[in-house]
Amino acid sequence: FKKAKRDSIIAAVDSLAYRSIMLRNEFKTEKQIKSAKVYVSGLGHYKLSINGENIGNSEFAPLWTDYDKTLYYNIYDVTSELQNGENAIGVMLGNGMYNVIGGRYSKFFVSFGPPTLFLQLRLTYEDGSKETITSDESWKYSKSPITFNTLFGGEDYDARMQQPGWDKPGFNESSWKEVVIQDPPKGQLRPQTAPDIEISGNYEVQEVNKIDDTTYVFNMGQNLSGFPKIKARGQRGDKIRIWVGEKLQEDGTIAQGGSGKPYYYEYTFKGDGIEEWRPYFSYYGFQYVQIEGAGYKEEGSEGRPVILDLQSLFIHNSAGEAGTFESSNEIFNQ
């Protein structure tokens, strides 16, 4: 009964809840900027850019909280990213722990509401005057190329939906929609003081096992928490599916335990030369990567996509080293 009830609830979830959206706003400065700081909380997680430049190195920002109690925001100095005249702010939102939905593997389901943005850009000009740009009803939104994202279940990306220049001034936003103003979450807004999550390492392919003409399993040589990054080439509309896991089954394919709910990524090509991609709003523990629907390097594509390069990216909190340890036991040293 519980499973049937859960499945019926998942089936009733609006398809937009699985997607990521992009938000944008343009503004004009007519005086010399002395300093600029942005205060941002994009729930569950956000990617921020100004005039087409990514801001910060954080992954999965802001950090998780009980959103009924606490909401973290991050602060960035963006003085060097702004210019006199026209400027643009772009934000991409993901579900994270704020809106946990099903459809694939999940540990629990909870929603504090639809993904939501709070942002203030505080400008100080050389003449001493100040101005604040806020996330208000003047912003616009559009569906992003991320067509599915759940923290526990994976992420899908359709590169055909990319809108080049969407986070730059002068972009044609006539097809974008008016934003919906949300009631704020219950938690108290506080600055995040803990270190950010960042990419702290990357690992190359160590071994390749060809399962069949369209399936390859890659041993990345290191078990880690993170996500894969691909460089590939394909025709417009071609799709590949990427599975990750810590173990292999007897037939050499990925093993993901016995939950019956899978974790994977799916990438759809735009068909414009070499394409690079990595997930933004989902991660997993893995050592092995299985890619279906493509050839690999010298094997050639023969009408299918071809994987040119693969890495696994290790994410970790960016706290500095506080000390070291060494003993006569190499296991402890490791």
C-alpha atoms as a PDB file:
ATOM      1  CA  PHE A   1       0.000   0.000   0.000  1.00  0.00           C
ATOM      2  CA  LYS A   2       2.768   2.414   0.918  1.00  0.00           C
ATOM      3  CA  LYS A   3       4.616   1.789  -2.360  1.00  0.00           C
ATOM      4  CA  ALA A   4       1.425   2.203  -4.389  1.00  0.00           C
ATOM      5  CA  LYS A   5       0.628   5.444  -2.598  1.00  0.00           C
ATOM      6  CA  ARG A   6       4.169   6.728  -3.132  1.00  0.00           C
ATOM      7  CA  ASP A   7       4.081   5.872  -6.844  1.00  0.00           C
ATOM      8  CA  SER A   8       0.734   7.607  -7.285  1.00  0.00           C
ATOM      9  CA  ILE A   9       2.104  10.746  -5.642  1.00  0.00           C
ATOM     10  CA  ILE A  10       5.194  10.699  -7.886  1.00  0.00           C
ATOM     11  CA  ALA A  11       3.015  10.235 -10.979  1.00  0.00           C
ATOM     12  CA  ALA A  12       1.013  13.328 -10.012  1.00  0.00           C
ATOM     13  CA  VAL A  13       4.084  15.586  -9.788  1.00  0.00           C
ATOM     14  CA  ASP A  14       4.068  18.265 -12.469  1.00  0.00           C
ATOM     15  CA  SER A  15       6.829  17.737 -15.038  1.00  0.00           C
ATOM     16  CA  LEU A  16       8.174  21.255 -14.383  1.00  0.00           C
ATOM     17  CA  ALA A  17       9.154  20.122 -10.871  1.00  0.00           C
ATOM     18  CA  TYR A  18      11.807  17.854 -12.365  1.00  0.00           C
ATOM     19  CA  ARG A  19      13.313  20.570 -14.535  1.00  0.00           C
ATOM     20  CA  SER A  20      15.725  23.400 -13.904  1.00  0.00           C
ATOM     21  CA  ILE A  21      14.867  26.980 -14.762  1.00  0.00           C
ATOM     22  CA  MET A  22      16.987  29.964 -15.774  1.00  0.00           C
ATOM     23  CA  LEU A  23      16.315  33.476 -14.451  1.00  0.00           C
ATOM     24  CA  ARG A  24      17.701  36.707 -15.857  1.00  0.00           C
ATOM     25  CA  ASN A  25      17.634  40.443 -15.280  1.00  0.00           C
ATOM     26  CA  GLU A  26      19.277  43.369 -17.051  1.00  0.00           C
ATOM     27  CA  PHE A  27      20.160  46.714 -15.489  1.00  0.00           C
ATOM     28  CA  LYS A  28      22.068  49.808 -16.494  1.00  0.00           C
ATOM     29  CA  THR A  29      24.684  51.731 -14.531  1.00  0.00           C
ATOM     30  CA  GLU A  30      25.397  55.323 -15.520  1.00  0.00           C
ATOM     31  CA  LYS A  31      28.063  56.130 -12.914  1.00  0.00           C
ATOM     32  CA  GLN A  32      31.509  54.753 -12.132  1.00  0.00           C
ATOM     33  CA  ILE A  33      31.248  51.681  -9.887  1.00  0.00           C
ATOM     34  CA  LYS A  34      33.470  51.648  -6.807  1.00  0.00           C
ATOM     35  CA  SER A  35      32.393  48.294  -5.408  1.00  0.00           C
ATOM     36  CA  ALA A  36      29.698  45.659  -5.898  1.00  0.00           C
ATOM     37  CA  LYS A  37      28.648  42.726  -3.733  1.00  0.00           C
ATOM     38  CA  VAL A  38      25.979  40.163  -4.494  1.00  0.00           C
ATOM     39  CA  TYR A  39      24.037  38.324  -1.779  1.00  0.00           C
ATOM     40  CA  VAL A  40      22.363  35.224  -3.177  1.00  0.00           C
ATOM     41  CA  SER A  41      20.361  32.267  -1.954  1.00  0.00           C
ATOM     42  CA  GLY A  42      19.062  30.060  -4.763  1.00  0.00           C
ATOM     43  CA  LEU A  43      17.112  27.133  -3.373  1.00  0.00           C
ATOM     44  CA  GLY A  44      17.754  24.267  -3.550  1.00  0.00           C
ATOM     45  CA  HIS A  45      20.993  25.124  -5.428  1.00  0.00           C
ATOM     46  CA  TYR A  46      22.051  27.788  -7.904  1.00  0.00           C
ATOM     47  CA  LYS A  47      24.615  28.677 -10.551  1.00  0.00           C
ATOM     48  CA  LEU A  48      25.205  32.428 -10.775  1.00  0.00           C
ATOM     49  CA  SER A  49      26.703  34.365 -13.682  1.00  0.00           C
ATOM     50  CA  ILE A  50      27.130  38.056 -14.468  1.00  0.00           C
ATOM     51  CA  ASN A  51      27.668  39.267 -18.013  1.00  0.00           C
ATOM     52  CA  GLY A  52      28.308  35.679 -19.046  1.00  0.00           C
ATOM     53  CA  GLU A  53      30.993  35.006 -16.409  1.00  0.00           C
ATOM     54  CA  ASN A  54      30.471  32.320 -13.743  1.00  0.00           C
ATOM     55  CA  ILE A  55      30.649  33.659 -10.194  1.00  0.00           C
ATOM     56  CA  GLY A  56      32.423  31.611  -7.531  1.00  0.00           C
ATOM     57  CA  ASN A  57      33.714  28.034  -7.495  1.00  0.00           C
ATOM     58  CA  SER A  58      30.992  26.541  -5.304  1.00  0.00           C
ATOM     59  CA  GLU A  59      29.194  23.304  -6.013  1.00  0.00           C
ATOM     60  CA  PHE A  60      25.773  22.692  -4.448  1.00  0.00           C
ATOM     61  CA  ALA A  61      25.530  26.197  -3.001  1.00  0.00           C
ATOM     62  CA  PRO A  62      24.128  27.152  -0.626  1.00  0.00           C
ATOM     63  CA  LEU A  63      24.803  24.289   1.767  1.00  0.00           C
ATOM     64  CA  TRP A  64      21.921  22.090   2.918  1.00  0.00           C
ATOM     65  CA  THR A  65      19.794  23.046   5.906  1.00  0.00           C
ATOM     66  CA  ASP A  66      16.402  22.336   7.410  1.00  0.00           C
ATOM     67  CA  TYR A  67      14.752  25.073   5.363  1.00  0.00           C
ATOM     68  CA  ASP A  68      11.996  25.510   7.939  1.00  0.00           C
ATOM     69  CA  LYS A  69      14.729  26.684  10.335  1.00  0.00           C
ATOM     70  CA  THR A  70      17.654  28.146   8.385  1.00  0.00           C
ATOM     71  CA  LEU A  71      18.320  29.508   4.892  1.00  0.00           C
ATOM     72  CA  TYR A  72      21.914  30.188   3.891  1.00  0.00           C
ATOM     73  CA  TYR A  73      23.030  32.888   1.491  1.00  0.00           C
ATOM     74  CA  ASN A  74      26.429  33.440  -0.112  1.00  0.00           C
ATOM     75  CA  ILE A  75      28.304  36.693  -0.673  1.00  0.00           C
ATOM     76  CA  TYR A  76      30.532  37.476  -3.669  1.00  0.00           C
ATOM     77  CA  ASP A  77      32.522  40.532  -4.615  1.00  0.00           C
ATOM     78  CA  VAL A  78      31.594  41.097  -8.271  1.00  0.00           C
ATOM     79  CA  THR A  79      33.119  44.539  -8.828  1.00  0.00           C
ATOM     80  CA  SER A  80      35.383  43.302 -11.618  1.00  0.00           C
ATOM     81  CA  GLU A  81      32.540  41.479 -13.411  1.00  0.00           C
ATOM     82  CA  LEU A  82      30.409  44.607 -13.853  1.00  0.00           C
ATOM     83  CA  GLN A  83      30.793  47.254 -16.518  1.00  0.00           C
ATOM     84  CA  ASN A  84      29.593  50.789 -17.029  1.00  0.00           C
ATOM     85  CA  GLY A  85      26.344  50.725 -18.982  1.00  0.00           C
ATOM     86  CA  GLU A  86      24.349  47.542 -19.633  1.00  0.00           C
ATOM     87  CA  ASN A  87      24.765  44.519 -17.350  1.00  0.00           C
ATOM     88  CA  ALA A  88      22.976  41.188 -16.981  1.00  0.00           C
ATOM     89  CA  ILE A  89      22.535  38.702 -14.123  1.00  0.00           C
ATOM     90  CA  GLY A  90      21.800  35.045 -14.850  1.00  0.00           C
ATOM     91  CA  VAL A  91      20.817  32.353 -12.330  1.00  0.00           C
ATOM     92  CA  MET A  92      20.132  28.666 -12.942  1.00  0.00           C
ATOM     93  CA  LEU A  93      18.204  26.834 -10.210  1.00  0.00           C
ATOM     94  CA  GLY A  94      18.238  23.148  -9.243  1.00  0.00           C
ATOM     95  CA  ASN A  95      16.121  21.102  -6.834  1.00  0.00           C
ATOM     96  CA  GLY A  96      18.749  19.886  -4.347  1.00  0.00           C
ATOM     97  CA  MET A  97      17.424  19.011  -0.893  1.00  0.00           C
ATOM     98  CA  TYR A  98      14.814  21.768  -1.188  1.00  0.00           C
ATOM     99  CA  ASN A  99      12.554  19.904  -3.591  1.00  0.00           C
ATOM    100  CA  VAL A 100      13.270  16.160  -3.427  1.00  0.00           C
ATOM    101  CA  ILE A 101      11.167  14.262  -5.944  1.00  0.00           C
ATOM    102  CA  GLY A 102      11.070  10.724  -7.292  1.00  0.00           C
ATOM    103  CA  GLY A 103      11.174   9.130 -10.701  1.00  0.00           C
ATOM    104  CA  ARG A 104      14.500   7.388 -10.042  1.00  0.00           C
ATOM    105  CA  TYR A 105      16.453   6.391  -6.958  1.00  0.00           C
ATOM    106  CA  SER A 106      15.625   8.468  -3.883  1.00  0.00           C
ATOM    107  CA  LYS A 107      16.105   8.099  -0.157  1.00  0.00           C
ATOM    108  CA  PHE A 108      13.114  10.246   0.817  1.00  0.00           C
ATOM    109  CA  PHE A 109      10.647  12.733  -0.586  1.00  0.00           C
ATOM    110  CA  VAL A 110      10.147  16.258   0.733  1.00  0.00           C
ATOM    111  CA  SER A 111       9.376  19.635  -0.785  1.00  0.00           C
ATOM    112  CA  PHE A 112       9.649  23.064   0.796  1.00  0.00           C
ATOM    113  CA  GLY A 113       8.245  24.594  -2.380  1.00  0.00           C
ATOM    114  CA  PRO A 114       9.379  25.215  -5.977  1.00  0.00           C
ATOM    115  CA  PRO A 115      12.999  26.317  -6.535  1.00  0.00           C
ATOM    116  CA  THR A 116      13.239  29.962  -5.490  1.00  0.00           C
ATOM    117  CA  LEU A 117      15.714  32.823  -5.776  1.00  0.00           C
ATOM    118  CA  PHE A 118      16.618  35.549  -3.296  1.00  0.00           C
ATOM    119  CA  LEU A 119      19.233  37.992  -4.608  1.00  0.00           C
ATOM    120  CA  GLN A 120      20.513  41.460  -3.797  1.00  0.00           C
ATOM    121  CA  LEU A 121      23.266  43.186  -5.771  1.00  0.00           C
ATOM    122  CA  ARG A 122      24.508  46.164  -3.748  1.00  0.00           C
ATOM    123  CA  LEU A 123      26.343  48.793  -5.775  1.00  0.00           C
ATOM    124  CA  THR A 124      28.457  51.617  -4.394  1.00  0.00           C
ATOM    125  CA  TYR A 125      29.477  54.329  -6.858  1.00  0.00           C
ATOM    126  CA  GLU A 126      32.564  56.518  -6.838  1.00  0.00           C
ATOM    127  CA  ASP A 127      30.457  59.562  -5.883  1.00  0.00           C
ATOM    128  CA  GLY A 128      29.311  57.758  -2.688  1.00  0.00           C
ATOM    129  CA  SER A 129      25.776  56.996  -3.861  1.00  0.00           C
ATOM    130  CA  LYS A 130      24.374  53.472  -3.609  1.00  0.00           C
ATOM    131  CA  GLU A 131      21.924  51.296  -5.493  1.00  0.00           C
ATOM    132  CA  THR A 132      20.465  47.823  -4.883  1.00  0.00           C
ATOM    133  CA  ILE A 133      19.316  45.432  -7.610  1.00  0.00           C
ATOM    134  CA  THR A 134      16.916  42.818  -6.205  1.00  0.00           C
ATOM    135  CA  SER A 135      15.185  39.660  -7.388  1.00  0.00           C
ATOM    136  CA  ASP A 136      11.743  41.130  -8.045  1.00  0.00           C
ATOM    137  CA  GLU A 137       8.886  40.961 -10.542  1.00  0.00           C
ATOM    138  CA  SER A 138      11.026  42.577 -13.270  1.00  0.00           C
ATOM    139  CA  TRP A 139      12.965  39.338 -13.788  1.00  0.00           C
ATOM    140  CA  LYS A 140      12.146  36.751 -16.492  1.00  0.00           C
ATOM    141  CA  TYR A 141      12.505  32.969 -16.560  1.00  0.00           C
ATOM    142  CA  SER A 142      12.784  30.137 -19.071  1.00  0.00           C
ATOM    143  CA  LYS A 143      13.248  26.373 -18.894  1.00  0.00           C
ATOM    144  CA  SER A 144      16.913  25.442 -18.876  1.00  0.00           C
ATOM    145  CA  PRO A 145      18.538  22.597 -20.869  1.00  0.00           C
ATOM    146  CA  ILE A 146      18.506  20.550 -17.640  1.00  0.00           C
ATOM    147  CA  THR A 147      15.308  18.591 -18.254  1.00  0.00           C
ATOM    148  CA  PHE A 148      15.540  16.393 -15.137  1.00  0.00           C
ATOM    149  CA  ASN A 149      17.412  16.878 -11.876  1.00  0.00           C
ATOM    150  CA  THR A 150      17.122  15.105  -8.572  1.00  0.00           C
ATOM    151  CA  LEU A 151      19.930  15.043  -6.047  1.00  0.00           C
ATOM    152  CA  PHE A 152      19.565  11.292  -5.494  1.00  0.00           C
ATOM    153  CA  GLY A 153      18.420  10.185  -8.963  1.00  0.00           C
ATOM    154  CA  GLY A 154      20.596  11.895 -11.557  1.00  0.00           C
ATOM    155  CA  GLU A 155      20.380  14.594 -14.189  1.00  0.00           C
ATOM    156  CA  ASP A 156      19.404  14.881 -17.868  1.00  0.00           C
ATOM    157  CA  TYR A 157      20.612  17.578 -20.262  1.00  0.00           C
ATOM    158  CA  ASP A 158      19.316  18.488 -23.705  1.00  0.00           C
ATOM    159  CA  ALA A 159      21.935  20.649 -25.413  1.00  0.00           C
ATOM    160  CA  ARG A 160      19.449  21.557 -28.149  1.00  0.00           C
ATOM    161  CA  MET A 161      17.736  23.794 -25.596  1.00  0.00           C
ATOM    162  CA  GLN A 162      20.790  25.958 -24.946  1.00  0.00           C
ATOM    163  CA  GLN A 163      20.214  29.690 -25.393  1.00  0.00           C
ATOM    164  CA  PRO A 164      23.614  31.284 -26.061  1.00  0.00           C
ATOM    165  CA  GLY A 165      23.985  34.682 -24.436  1.00  0.00           C
ATOM    166  CA  TRP A 166      21.056  34.259 -22.066  1.00  0.00           C
ATOM    167  CA  ASP A 167      23.123  35.703 -19.197  1.00  0.00           C
ATOM    168  CA  LYS A 168      24.574  38.588 -21.194  1.00  0.00           C
ATOM    169  CA  PRO A 169      23.222  42.076 -21.961  1.00  0.00           C
ATOM    170  CA  GLY A 170      21.195  42.516 -25.141  1.00  0.00           C
ATOM    171  CA  PHE A 171      19.760  38.989 -25.192  1.00  0.00           C
ATOM    172  CA  ASN A 172      16.324  38.685 -26.832  1.00  0.00           C
ATOM    173  CA  GLU A 173      14.104  37.550 -23.961  1.00  0.00           C
ATOM    174  CA  SER A 174      10.780  38.022 -25.764  1.00  0.00           C
ATOM    175  CA  SER A 175       9.953  34.306 -25.413  1.00  0.00           C
ATOM    176  CA  TRP A 176      10.765  34.284 -21.683  1.00  0.00           C
ATOM    177  CA  LYS A 177       8.010  34.392 -19.067  1.00  0.00           C
ATOM    178  CA  GLU A 178       7.274  36.675 -16.138  1.00  0.00           C
ATOM    179  CA  VAL A 179       8.555  35.257 -12.848  1.00  0.00           C
ATOM    180  CA  VAL A 180       6.192  34.127 -10.106  1.00  0.00           C
ATOM    181  CA  ILE A 181       6.831  35.829  -6.766  1.00  0.00           C
ATOM    182  CA  GLN A 182       7.045  33.170  -4.033  1.00  0.00           C
ATOM    183  CA  ASP A 183       6.299  33.369  -0.343  1.00  0.00           C
ATOM    184  CA  PRO A 184       9.628  33.121   1.489  1.00  0.00           C
ATOM    185  CA  PRO A 185      10.525  29.826   3.187  1.00  0.00           C
ATOM    186  CA  LYS A 186      10.008  29.675   6.939  1.00  0.00           C
ATOM    187  CA  GLY A 187      13.677  29.546   7.902  1.00  0.00           C
ATOM    188  CA  GLN A 188      15.786  32.464   9.067  1.00  0.00           C
ATOM    189  CA  LEU A 189      18.105  33.920   6.437  1.00  0.00           C
ATOM    190  CA  ARG A 190      21.740  33.645   7.569  1.00  0.00           C
ATOM    191  CA  PRO A 191      25.153  33.990   5.887  1.00  0.00           C
ATOM    192  CA  GLN A 192      26.862  30.690   5.114  1.00  0.00           C
ATOM    193  CA  THR A 193      30.056  30.558   7.160  1.00  0.00           C
ATOM    194  CA  ALA A 194      31.075  26.950   6.494  1.00  0.00           C
ATOM    195  CA  PRO A 195      33.525  26.341   3.613  1.00  0.00           C
ATOM    196  CA  ASP A 196      32.069  25.818   0.155  1.00  0.00           C
ATOM    197  CA  ILE A 197      31.872  22.489  -1.628  1.00  0.00           C
ATOM    198  CA  GLU A 198      34.316  22.617  -4.540  1.00  0.00           C
ATOM    199  CA  ILE A 199      35.839  20.355  -7.164  1.00  0.00           C
ATOM    200  CA  SER A 200      39.058  19.256  -5.518  1.00  0.00           C
ATOM    201  CA  GLY A 201      40.406  16.756  -8.022  1.00  0.00           C
ATOM    202  CA  ASN A 202      39.829  14.981 -11.309  1.00  0.00           C
ATOM    203  CA  TYR A 203      40.678  11.450 -12.416  1.00  0.00           C
ATOM    204  CA  GLU A 204      41.348  10.047 -15.871  1.00  0.00           C
ATOM    205  CA  VAL A 205      40.334   6.699 -17.361  1.00  0.00           C
ATOM    206  CA  GLN A 206      42.534   3.834 -16.141  1.00  0.00           C
ATOM    207  CA  GLU A 207      40.896   0.882 -17.894  1.00  0.00           C
ATOM    208  CA  VAL A 208      38.286   0.468 -20.633  1.00  0.00           C
ATOM    209  CA  ASN A 209      36.055  -2.581 -21.070  1.00  0.00           C
ATOM    210  CA  LYS A 210      33.954  -2.825 -24.229  1.00  0.00           C
ATOM    211  CA  ILE A 211      30.729  -4.627 -23.318  1.00  0.00           C
ATOM    212  CA  ASP A 212      29.258  -4.424 -26.830  1.00  0.00           C
ATOM    213  CA  ASP A 213      29.317  -2.039 -29.808  1.00  0.00           C
ATOM    214  CA  THR A 214      27.432   0.684 -27.927  1.00  0.00           C
ATOM    215  CA  THR A 215      28.346   0.070 -24.271  1.00  0.00           C
ATOM    216  CA  TYR A 216      31.663   0.791 -22.558  1.00  0.00           C
ATOM    217  CA  VAL A 217      32.633   0.564 -18.889  1.00  0.00           C
ATOM    218  CA  PHE A 218      35.460   2.773 -17.642  1.00  0.00           C
ATOM    219  CA  ASN A 219      37.484   2.195 -14.481  1.00  0.00           C
ATOM    220  CA  MET A 220      38.471   5.642 -13.215  1.00  0.00           C
ATOM    221  CA  GLY A 221      40.892   4.217 -10.658  1.00  0.00           C
ATOM    222  CA  GLN A 222      39.448   6.003  -7.628  1.00  0.00           C
ATOM    223  CA  ASN A 223      36.233   5.625  -5.654  1.00  0.00           C
ATOM    224  CA  LEU A 224      34.908   9.120  -4.898  1.00  0.00           C
ATOM    225  CA  SER A 225      31.890  11.356  -4.460  1.00  0.00           C
ATOM    226  CA  GLY A 226      31.286  13.503  -7.489  1.00  0.00           C
ATOM    227  CA  PHE A 227      30.190  13.299 -11.102  1.00  0.00           C
ATOM    228  CA  PRO A 228      31.590  12.521 -14.562  1.00  0.00           C
ATOM    229  CA  LYS A 229      32.626  15.044 -17.201  1.00  0.00           C
ATOM    230  CA  ILE A 230      32.453  14.092 -20.859  1.00  0.00           C
ATOM    231  CA  LYS A 231      33.832  15.449 -24.116  1.00  0.00           C
ATOM    232  CA  ALA A 232      32.002  13.930 -27.057  1.00  0.00           C
ATOM    233  CA  ARG A 233      30.726  14.402 -30.585  1.00  0.00           C
ATOM    234  CA  GLY A 234      27.333  13.391 -31.986  1.00  0.00           C
ATOM    235  CA  GLN A 235      24.545  14.252 -34.375  1.00  0.00           C
ATOM    236  CA  ARG A 236      21.710  16.539 -33.332  1.00  0.00           C
ATOM    237  CA  GLY A 237      19.227  14.577 -31.229  1.00  0.00           C
ATOM    238  CA  ASP A 238      21.576  11.676 -30.471  1.00  0.00           C
ATOM    239  CA  LYS A 239      21.416  10.506 -26.851  1.00  0.00           C
ATOM    240  CA  ILE A 240      23.824   8.747 -24.542  1.00  0.00           C
ATOM    241  CA  ARG A 241      23.133   7.391 -21.072  1.00  0.00           C
ATOM    242  CA  ILE A 242      25.782   7.464 -18.350  1.00  0.00           C
ATOM    243  CA  TRP A 243      25.644   5.137 -15.353  1.00  0.00           C
ATOM    244  CA  VAL A 244      28.011   5.342 -12.380  1.00  0.00           C
ATOM    245  CA  GLY A 245      28.672   2.929  -9.528  1.00  0.00           C
ATOM    246  CA  GLU A 246      31.142   1.643  -6.985  1.00  0.00           C
ATOM    247  CA  LYS A 247      31.034  -2.001  -8.081  1.00  0.00           C
ATOM    248  CA  LEU A 248      30.600  -4.145 -11.168  1.00  0.00           C
ATOM    249  CA  GLN A 249      28.343  -7.107 -11.810  1.00  0.00           C
ATOM    250  CA  GLU A 250      29.663 -10.447 -13.064  1.00  0.00           C
ATOM    251  CA  ASP A 251      29.049  -9.425 -16.669  1.00  0.00           C
ATOM    252  CA  GLY A 252      31.209  -6.319 -16.197  1.00  0.00           C
ATOM    253  CA  THR A 253      28.379  -3.769 -16.155  1.00  0.00           C
ATOM    254  CA  ILE A 254      27.628  -1.257 -13.402  1.00  0.00           C
ATOM    255  CA  ALA A 255      26.081  -2.492 -10.133  1.00  0.00           C
ATOM    256  CA  GLN A 256      23.964  -0.025  -8.168  1.00  0.00           C
ATOM    257  CA  GLY A 257      22.569  -2.167  -5.348  1.00  0.00           C
ATOM    258  CA  GLY A 258      19.139  -3.708  -5.046  1.00  0.00           C
ATOM    259  CA  SER A 259      16.855  -0.692  -4.687  1.00  0.00           C
ATOM    260  CA  GLY A 260      15.262  -1.209  -8.103  1.00  0.00           C
ATOM    261  CA  LYS A 261      15.409   2.566  -8.674  1.00  0.00           C
ATOM    262  CA  PRO A 262      18.257   3.591 -10.979  1.00  0.00           C
ATOM    263  CA  TYR A 263      20.688   6.496 -10.901  1.00  0.00           C
ATOM    264  CA  TYR A 264      21.957   7.771 -14.244  1.00  0.00           C
ATOM    265  CA  TYR A 265      22.603  10.809 -16.458  1.00  0.00           C
ATOM    266  CA  GLU A 266      21.316  11.317 -19.997  1.00  0.00           C
ATOM    267  CA  TYR A 267      22.804  13.733 -22.525  1.00  0.00           C
ATOM    268  CA  THR A 268      21.173  14.826 -25.792  1.00  0.00           C
ATOM    269  CA  PHE A 269      23.496  16.312 -28.427  1.00  0.00           C
ATOM    270  CA  LYS A 270      22.933  19.594 -30.207  1.00  0.00           C
ATOM    271  CA  GLY A 271      25.150  18.357 -33.061  1.00  0.00           C
ATOM    272  CA  ASP A 272      27.573  21.261 -33.185  1.00  0.00           C
ATOM    273  CA  GLY A 273      31.111  19.875 -33.151  1.00  0.00           C
ATOM    274  CA  ILE A 274      32.749  18.764 -29.901  1.00  0.00           C
ATOM    275  CA  GLU A 275      30.477  19.115 -26.879  1.00  0.00           C
ATOM    276  CA  GLU A 276      31.488  19.103 -23.205  1.00  0.00           C
ATOM    277  CA  TRP A 277      29.146  18.475 -20.295  1.00  0.00           C
ATOM    278  CA  ARG A 278      29.023  17.719 -16.574  1.00  0.00           C
ATOM    279  CA  PRO A 279      26.068  17.588 -14.141  1.00  0.00           C
ATOM    280  CA  TYR A 280      25.392  20.542 -11.830  1.00  0.00           C
ATOM    281  CA  PHE A 281      22.682  19.466  -9.401  1.00  0.00           C
ATOM    282  CA  SER A 282      23.324  15.774  -8.679  1.00  0.00           C
ATOM    283  CA  TYR A 283      26.237  13.637  -7.521  1.00  0.00           C
ATOM    284  CA  TYR A 284      26.975  10.005  -6.637  1.00  0.00           C
ATOM    285  CA  GLY A 285      29.633   7.760  -5.126  1.00  0.00           C
ATOM    286  CA  PHE A 286      31.439   5.835  -7.867  1.00  0.00           C
ATOM    287  CA  GLN A 287      34.615   4.439  -9.362  1.00  0.00           C
ATOM    288  CA  TYR A 288      33.178   3.023 -12.580  1.00  0.00           C
ATOM    289  CA  VAL A 289      31.395   4.840 -15.414  1.00  0.00           C
ATOM    290  CA  GLN A 290      29.249   3.023 -17.960  1.00  0.00           C
ATOM    291  CA  ILE A 291      28.292   4.853 -21.161  1.00  0.00           C
ATOM    292  CA  GLU A 292      25.594   3.490 -23.452  1.00  0.00           C
ATOM    293  CA  GLY A 293      24.844   4.598 -27.001  1.00  0.00           C
ATOM    294  CA  ALA A 294      28.309   5.688 -28.165  1.00  0.00           C
ATOM    295  CA  GLY A 295      31.646   4.528 -29.483  1.00  0.00           C
ATOM    296  CA  TYR A 296      34.946   5.389 -27.819  1.00  0.00           C
ATOM    297  CA  LYS A 297      37.864   7.234 -29.440  1.00  0.00           C
ATOM    298  CA  GLU A 298      39.536   5.116 -32.124  1.00  0.00           C
ATOM    299  CA  GLU A 299      36.601   2.684 -32.161  1.00  0.00           C
ATOM    300  CA  GLY A 300      34.720   5.361 -34.097  1.00  0.00           C
ATOM    301  CA  SER A 301      31.050   6.210 -34.010  1.00  0.00           C
ATOM    302  CA  GLU A 302      29.752   4.547 -37.212  1.00  0.00           C
ATOM    303  CA  GLY A 303      26.671   6.744 -37.147  1.00  0.00           C
ATOM    304  CA  ARG A 304      26.640   6.934 -33.344  1.00  0.00           C
ATOM    305  CA  PRO A 305      28.120   9.495 -30.953  1.00  0.00           C
ATOM    306  CA  VAL A 306      31.751   9.056 -29.974  1.00  0.00           C
ATOM    307  CA  ILE A 307      33.269   9.703 -26.535  1.00  0.00           C
ATOM    308  CA  LEU A 308      36.491  11.643 -26.921  1.00  0.00           C
ATOM    309  CA  ASP A 309      37.417  12.124 -23.265  1.00  0.00           C
ATOM    310  CA  LEU A 310      36.069  11.200 -19.839  1.00  0.00           C
ATOM    311  CA  GLN A 311      36.979  12.385 -16.347  1.00  0.00           C
ATOM    312  CA  SER A 312      35.512  11.883 -12.888  1.00  0.00           C
ATOM    313  CA  LEU A 313      35.398  15.040 -10.764  1.00  0.00           C
ATOM    314  CA  PHE A 314      35.861  14.720  -6.999  1.00  0.00           C
ATOM    315  CA  ILE A 315      33.875  17.159  -4.852  1.00  0.00           C
ATOM    316  CA  HIS A 316      34.766  17.978  -1.268  1.00  0.00           C
ATOM    317  CA  ASN A 317      34.429  20.795   1.236  1.00  0.00           C
ATOM    318  CA  SER A 318      37.135  23.401   0.737  1.00  0.00           C
ATOM    319  CA  ALA A 319      38.252  23.622   4.361  1.00  0.00           C
ATOM    320  CA  GLY A 320      41.998  24.080   4.608  1.00  0.00           C
ATOM    321  CA  GLU A 321      44.302  21.453   6.087  1.00  0.00           C
ATOM    322  CA  ALA A 322      44.379  21.781   9.872  1.00  0.00           C
ATOM    323  CA  GLY A 323      47.057  19.221  10.636  1.00  0.00           C
ATOM    324  CA  THR A 324      48.802  16.023   9.616  1.00  0.00           C
ATOM    325  CA  PHE A 325      49.107  12.479  10.958  1.00  0.00           C
ATOM    326  CA  GLU A 326      51.792   9.844  10.548  1.00  0.00           C
ATOM    327  CA  SER A 327      52.348   6.524  12.279  1.00  0.00           C
ATOM    328  CA  SER A 328      54.178   3.226  11.808  1.00  0.00           C
ATOM    329  CA  ASN A 329      50.984   1.711  10.356  1.00  0.00           C
ATOM    330  CA  GLU A 330      50.532   2.379   6.624  1.00  0.00           C
ATOM    331  CA  ILE A 331      46.792   1.644   6.809  1.00  0.00           C
ATOM    332  CA  PHE A 332      46.332   4.477   9.295  1.00  0.00           C
ATOM    333  CA  ASN A 333      48.551   6.712   7.188  1.00  0.00           C
ATOM    334  CA  GLN A 334      46.310   6.126   4.174  1.00  0.00           C
END
